[in-house]
Amino acid sequence: SSGINAEYGIHERDINTDFLLIILRDMLQIHTQLKVVLMSATVDVDLFANYFRCPVVEVPERTFKVDRYFLEDAIEMLDFFPPPPRKKGKNNRGGGQGGFRGGRGTY
């Protein structure tokens, strides 16, 4: 059988993610078709392997080029313009028609 796969990045842990890990560990014992992939470059591998009683698969390190974009960059790249501010009033049900320039529709 193909099983059920769950992928989860565990880069930053808090009470919510720790609770989720507890639930996943318990589910793995009951549902043998469930497969969980935990990914992190900073996790204590031995701690998690012992906690889940599971094998570890290591993927060789590779670096990828990362481009940083900010909101202003996305707006410019998409040629987006925001709708004009709406006037408050009881009969005003709609607003301006903001969207994309160049006839790509409004959103």
N, C-alpha and C. Protein backbone atom coordinates (compact mmCIF):
# COMPACT_ATOMS: atom_id res chain seq x y z
N SER A 1 0.85 -1.20 0.00
CA SER A 1 0.00 0.00 0.00
C SER A 1 0.88 1.24 0.00
N SER A 2 0.34 2.31 -0.54
CA SER A 2 1.12 3.54 -0.64
C SER A 2 1.23 4.26 0.69
N GLY A 3 0.27 4.10 1.57
CA GLY A 3 0.34 4.74 2.88
C GLY A 3 -0.08 6.19 2.84
N ILE A 4 -0.04 6.79 3.98
CA ILE A 4 -0.38 8.19 4.15
C ILE A 4 0.89 8.91 4.54
N ASN A 5 1.22 9.96 3.83
CA ASN A 5 2.45 10.69 4.10
C ASN A 5 2.16 12.04 4.74
N ALA A 6 2.95 12.41 5.72
CA ALA A 6 2.87 13.73 6.35
C ALA A 6 4.26 14.31 6.40
N GLU A 7 4.41 15.51 5.89
CA GLU A 7 5.70 16.19 5.94
C GLU A 7 5.57 17.39 6.85
N TYR A 8 6.61 17.61 7.65
CA TYR A 8 6.53 18.68 8.64
C TYR A 8 7.92 19.25 8.88
N GLY A 9 8.05 20.55 8.78
CA GLY A 9 9.31 21.23 9.07
C GLY A 9 9.36 21.59 10.55
N ILE A 10 10.40 21.19 11.23
CA ILE A 10 10.49 21.43 12.68
C ILE A 10 11.64 22.37 12.98
N HIS A 11 11.65 23.49 12.31
CA HIS A 11 12.74 24.45 12.46
C HIS A 11 12.64 25.21 13.78
N GLU A 12 11.46 25.64 14.12
CA GLU A 12 11.26 26.38 15.36
C GLU A 12 10.20 25.66 16.18
N ARG A 13 10.57 25.26 17.37
CA ARG A 13 9.64 24.50 18.21
C ARG A 13 9.00 25.41 19.24
N ASP A 14 7.73 25.11 19.53
CA ASP A 14 7.01 25.77 20.61
C ASP A 14 6.03 24.76 21.19
N ILE A 15 5.17 25.17 22.08
CA ILE A 15 4.26 24.22 22.74
C ILE A 15 3.31 23.57 21.74
N ASN A 16 2.89 24.33 20.71
CA ASN A 16 1.97 23.78 19.72
C ASN A 16 2.63 22.72 18.84
N THR A 17 3.85 22.98 18.40
CA THR A 17 4.52 21.99 17.57
C THR A 17 4.93 20.77 18.39
N ASP A 18 5.30 20.97 19.63
CA ASP A 18 5.62 19.82 20.48
C ASP A 18 4.38 18.96 20.70
N PHE A 19 3.22 19.60 20.88
CA PHE A 19 1.97 18.85 21.04
C PHE A 19 1.68 18.05 19.77
N LEU A 20 1.87 18.68 18.61
CA LEU A 20 1.66 17.98 17.35
C LEU A 20 2.60 16.77 17.22
N LEU A 21 3.84 16.92 17.65
CA LEU A 21 4.79 15.79 17.59
C LEU A 21 4.36 14.65 18.49
N ILE A 22 3.78 14.96 19.65
CA ILE A 22 3.26 13.92 20.54
C ILE A 22 2.14 13.16 19.85
N ILE A 23 1.22 13.90 19.24
CA ILE A 23 0.09 13.27 18.54
C ILE A 23 0.59 12.41 17.38
N LEU A 24 1.54 12.93 16.61
CA LEU A 24 2.08 12.16 15.49
C LEU A 24 2.74 10.87 15.97
N ARG A 25 3.50 10.96 17.06
CA ARG A 25 4.16 9.76 17.59
C ARG A 25 3.12 8.71 17.97
N ASP A 26 2.05 9.12 18.65
CA ASP A 26 1.01 8.18 19.05
C ASP A 26 0.26 7.62 17.84
N MET A 27 0.02 8.46 16.84
CA MET A 27 -0.67 7.99 15.64
C MET A 27 0.16 6.98 14.87
N LEU A 28 1.49 7.15 14.86
CA LEU A 28 2.36 6.22 14.16
C LEU A 28 2.28 4.81 14.74
N GLN A 29 2.06 4.72 16.03
CA GLN A 29 1.95 3.40 16.68
C GLN A 29 0.65 2.71 16.33
N ILE A 30 -0.39 3.48 16.08
CA ILE A 30 -1.71 2.90 15.78
C ILE A 30 -1.91 2.70 14.28
N HIS A 31 -1.50 3.67 13.49
CA HIS A 31 -1.72 3.63 12.04
C HIS A 31 -0.40 3.35 11.32
N THR A 32 -0.17 2.08 11.06
CA THR A 32 1.12 1.67 10.48
C THR A 32 1.31 2.16 9.04
N GLN A 33 0.22 2.53 8.35
CA GLN A 33 0.35 3.03 6.99
C GLN A 33 0.78 4.50 6.95
N LEU A 34 0.78 5.17 8.10
CA LEU A 34 1.17 6.56 8.19
C LEU A 34 2.69 6.69 8.14
N LYS A 35 3.17 7.55 7.30
CA LYS A 35 4.61 7.83 7.18
C LYS A 35 4.81 9.31 7.45
N VAL A 36 5.73 9.65 8.32
CA VAL A 36 5.99 11.03 8.70
C VAL A 36 7.42 11.39 8.31
N VAL A 37 7.56 12.54 7.66
CA VAL A 37 8.88 13.05 7.30
C VAL A 37 9.07 14.35 8.08
N LEU A 38 10.05 14.37 8.97
CA LEU A 38 10.38 15.57 9.72
C LEU A 38 11.65 16.16 9.10
N MET A 39 11.59 17.45 8.80
CA MET A 39 12.72 18.08 8.12
C MET A 39 13.24 19.25 8.93
N SER A 40 14.54 19.29 9.10
CA SER A 40 15.16 20.42 9.77
C SER A 40 16.67 20.32 9.61
N ALA A 41 17.30 21.45 9.46
CA ALA A 41 18.76 21.46 9.39
C ALA A 41 19.37 21.61 10.77
N THR A 42 18.55 21.92 11.77
CA THR A 42 19.08 22.22 13.09
C THR A 42 18.59 21.29 14.19
N VAL A 43 17.78 20.31 13.85
CA VAL A 43 17.20 19.43 14.87
C VAL A 43 18.25 18.47 15.45
N ASP A 44 18.06 18.08 16.68
CA ASP A 44 18.90 17.05 17.31
C ASP A 44 18.39 15.69 16.80
N VAL A 45 19.09 15.15 15.81
CA VAL A 45 18.64 13.94 15.12
C VAL A 45 18.47 12.77 16.08
N ASP A 46 19.43 12.55 16.96
CA ASP A 46 19.34 11.41 17.88
C ASP A 46 18.15 11.54 18.82
N LEU A 47 17.88 12.73 19.30
CA LEU A 47 16.74 12.96 20.18
C LEU A 47 15.43 12.57 19.49
N PHE A 48 15.25 13.03 18.26
CA PHE A 48 14.01 12.73 17.55
C PHE A 48 13.94 11.28 17.11
N ALA A 49 15.04 10.69 16.70
CA ALA A 49 15.04 9.28 16.31
C ALA A 49 14.66 8.40 17.49
N ASN A 50 15.19 8.69 18.67
CA ASN A 50 14.84 7.92 19.87
C ASN A 50 13.40 8.16 20.28
N TYR A 51 12.93 9.40 20.17
CA TYR A 51 11.56 9.74 20.56
C TYR A 51 10.55 9.02 19.68
N PHE A 52 10.80 9.00 18.36
CA PHE A 52 9.87 8.35 17.44
C PHE A 52 10.20 6.87 17.21
N ARG A 53 11.33 6.41 17.74
CA ARG A 53 11.78 5.03 17.50
C ARG A 53 11.73 4.72 15.99
N CYS A 54 12.51 5.49 15.25
CA CYS A 54 12.46 5.39 13.79
C CYS A 54 13.85 5.52 13.19
N PRO A 55 13.98 5.11 11.93
CA PRO A 55 15.26 5.30 11.23
C PRO A 55 15.43 6.75 10.80
N VAL A 56 16.67 7.10 10.53
CA VAL A 56 17.00 8.46 10.06
C VAL A 56 17.50 8.35 8.63
N VAL A 57 16.99 9.21 7.78
CA VAL A 57 17.46 9.30 6.40
C VAL A 57 18.11 10.67 6.27
N GLU A 58 19.38 10.67 5.92
CA GLU A 58 20.09 11.93 5.77
C GLU A 58 20.22 12.26 4.29
N VAL A 59 19.94 13.50 3.96
CA VAL A 59 20.05 13.98 2.59
C VAL A 59 21.28 14.88 2.53
N PRO A 60 22.16 14.64 1.57
CA PRO A 60 23.36 15.48 1.48
C PRO A 60 23.01 16.96 1.38
N GLU A 61 23.84 17.76 1.98
CA GLU A 61 23.60 19.21 2.01
C GLU A 61 23.79 19.81 0.62
N ARG A 62 22.85 20.67 0.25
CA ARG A 62 22.96 21.43 -0.98
C ARG A 62 22.52 22.85 -0.70
N THR A 63 23.13 23.77 -1.38
CA THR A 63 22.70 25.15 -1.21
C THR A 63 21.99 25.60 -2.48
N PHE A 64 21.04 26.46 -2.30
CA PHE A 64 20.28 26.99 -3.41
C PHE A 64 20.32 28.51 -3.34
N LYS A 65 20.33 29.13 -4.50
CA LYS A 65 20.29 30.58 -4.56
C LYS A 65 18.94 31.05 -4.04
N VAL A 66 18.97 32.04 -3.18
CA VAL A 66 17.75 32.59 -2.61
C VAL A 66 17.63 34.04 -3.02
N ASP A 67 16.52 34.37 -3.63
CA ASP A 67 16.24 35.76 -3.99
C ASP A 67 15.27 36.32 -2.97
N ARG A 68 15.57 37.50 -2.45
CA ARG A 68 14.69 38.15 -1.48
C ARG A 68 13.83 39.17 -2.19
N TYR A 69 12.53 39.09 -1.94
CA TYR A 69 11.59 40.05 -2.48
C TYR A 69 10.76 40.61 -1.34
N PHE A 70 10.44 41.86 -1.46
CA PHE A 70 9.59 42.52 -0.48
C PHE A 70 8.27 42.85 -1.14
N LEU A 71 7.30 43.25 -0.35
CA LEU A 71 5.98 43.55 -0.87
C LEU A 71 6.04 44.53 -2.03
N GLU A 72 6.85 45.56 -1.90
CA GLU A 72 6.95 46.55 -2.96
C GLU A 72 7.45 45.92 -4.27
N ASP A 73 8.36 44.96 -4.15
CA ASP A 73 8.87 44.27 -5.34
C ASP A 73 7.76 43.47 -6.02
N ALA A 74 6.96 42.76 -5.22
CA ALA A 74 5.87 41.97 -5.79
C ALA A 74 4.84 42.86 -6.47
N ILE A 75 4.52 43.99 -5.84
CA ILE A 75 3.56 44.92 -6.44
C ILE A 75 4.07 45.41 -7.79
N GLU A 76 5.35 45.75 -7.84
CA GLU A 76 5.93 46.23 -9.10
C GLU A 76 5.98 45.12 -10.15
N MET A 77 6.40 43.92 -9.77
CA MET A 77 6.49 42.81 -10.72
C MET A 77 5.13 42.43 -11.29
N LEU A 78 4.09 42.51 -10.46
CA LEU A 78 2.75 42.14 -10.89
C LEU A 78 2.00 43.31 -11.52
N ASP A 79 2.60 44.49 -11.49
CA ASP A 79 1.98 45.69 -12.01
C ASP A 79 0.61 45.90 -11.34
N PHE A 80 0.58 45.73 -10.04
CA PHE A 80 -0.64 45.82 -9.25
C PHE A 80 -0.84 47.24 -8.75
N PHE A 81 -2.08 47.67 -8.71
CA PHE A 81 -2.40 48.94 -8.06
C PHE A 81 -3.56 48.72 -7.11
N PRO A 82 -3.48 49.24 -5.90
CA PRO A 82 -4.54 49.03 -4.92
C PRO A 82 -5.79 49.82 -5.27
N PRO A 83 -6.95 49.37 -4.80
CA PRO A 83 -8.18 50.12 -5.06
C PRO A 83 -8.16 51.42 -4.27
N PRO A 84 -8.88 52.43 -4.76
CA PRO A 84 -8.95 53.67 -3.98
C PRO A 84 -9.71 53.43 -2.68
N PRO A 85 -9.47 54.26 -1.68
CA PRO A 85 -10.17 54.08 -0.41
C PRO A 85 -11.68 54.20 -0.60
N ARG A 86 -12.42 53.39 0.13
CA ARG A 86 -13.89 53.43 0.06
C ARG A 86 -14.42 54.54 0.96
N LYS A 87 -15.48 55.16 0.51
CA LYS A 87 -16.17 56.14 1.34
C LYS A 87 -17.15 55.39 2.22
N LYS A 88 -17.21 55.77 3.47
CA LYS A 88 -18.14 55.13 4.39
C LYS A 88 -19.52 55.72 4.18
N GLY A 89 -20.50 54.86 4.16
CA GLY A 89 -21.88 55.29 4.00
C GLY A 89 -22.79 54.09 3.98
N LYS A 90 -24.04 54.28 4.29
CA LYS A 90 -24.95 53.14 4.39
C LYS A 90 -25.30 52.55 3.04
N ASN A 91 -25.20 53.30 1.95
CA ASN A 91 -25.55 52.78 0.63
C ASN A 91 -24.34 52.30 -0.16
N ASN A 92 -23.17 52.38 0.42
CA ASN A 92 -21.95 51.99 -0.27
C ASN A 92 -21.69 50.51 -0.05
N ARG A 93 -21.96 49.72 -1.08
CA ARG A 93 -21.77 48.26 -0.96
C ARG A 93 -20.48 47.80 -1.60
N GLY A 94 -19.93 48.59 -2.42
CA GLY A 94 -18.72 48.17 -3.11
C GLY A 94 -17.63 49.18 -2.92
N GLY A 95 -16.58 48.96 -3.59
CA GLY A 95 -15.46 49.88 -3.49
C GLY A 95 -14.88 50.11 -4.85
N GLY A 96 -13.69 50.59 -4.84
CA GLY A 96 -13.01 50.82 -6.10
C GLY A 96 -12.63 49.51 -6.75
N GLN A 97 -12.24 49.61 -7.98
CA GLN A 97 -11.86 48.42 -8.73
C GLN A 97 -10.35 48.36 -8.85
N GLY A 98 -9.70 47.98 -7.79
CA GLY A 98 -8.25 47.82 -7.85
C GLY A 98 -7.93 46.58 -8.63
N GLY A 99 -6.72 46.40 -8.97
CA GLY A 99 -6.36 45.18 -9.68
C GLY A 99 -5.04 45.32 -10.39
N PHE A 100 -4.97 44.70 -11.55
CA PHE A 100 -3.75 44.69 -12.33
C PHE A 100 -3.92 45.59 -13.54
N ARG A 101 -2.88 46.33 -13.87
CA ARG A 101 -2.91 47.15 -15.07
C ARG A 101 -2.70 46.25 -16.28
N GLY A 102 -3.00 46.76 -17.40
CA GLY A 102 -2.74 45.99 -18.61
C GLY A 102 -3.85 45.03 -18.96
N GLY A 103 -5.05 45.20 -18.42
CA GLY A 103 -6.18 44.40 -18.83
C GLY A 103 -6.17 42.98 -18.32
N ARG A 104 -5.49 42.71 -17.23
CA ARG A 104 -5.44 41.34 -16.70
C ARG A 104 -6.58 41.05 -15.73
N GLY A 105 -7.54 41.92 -15.59
CA GLY A 105 -8.65 41.67 -14.69
C GLY A 105 -8.48 42.42 -13.39
N THR A 106 -9.53 42.42 -12.61
CA THR A 106 -9.49 43.09 -11.31
C THR A 106 -9.69 42.07 -10.21
N TYR A 107 -9.14 42.39 -9.04
CA TYR A 107 -9.21 41.48 -7.90
C TYR A 107 -9.61 42.23 -6.69
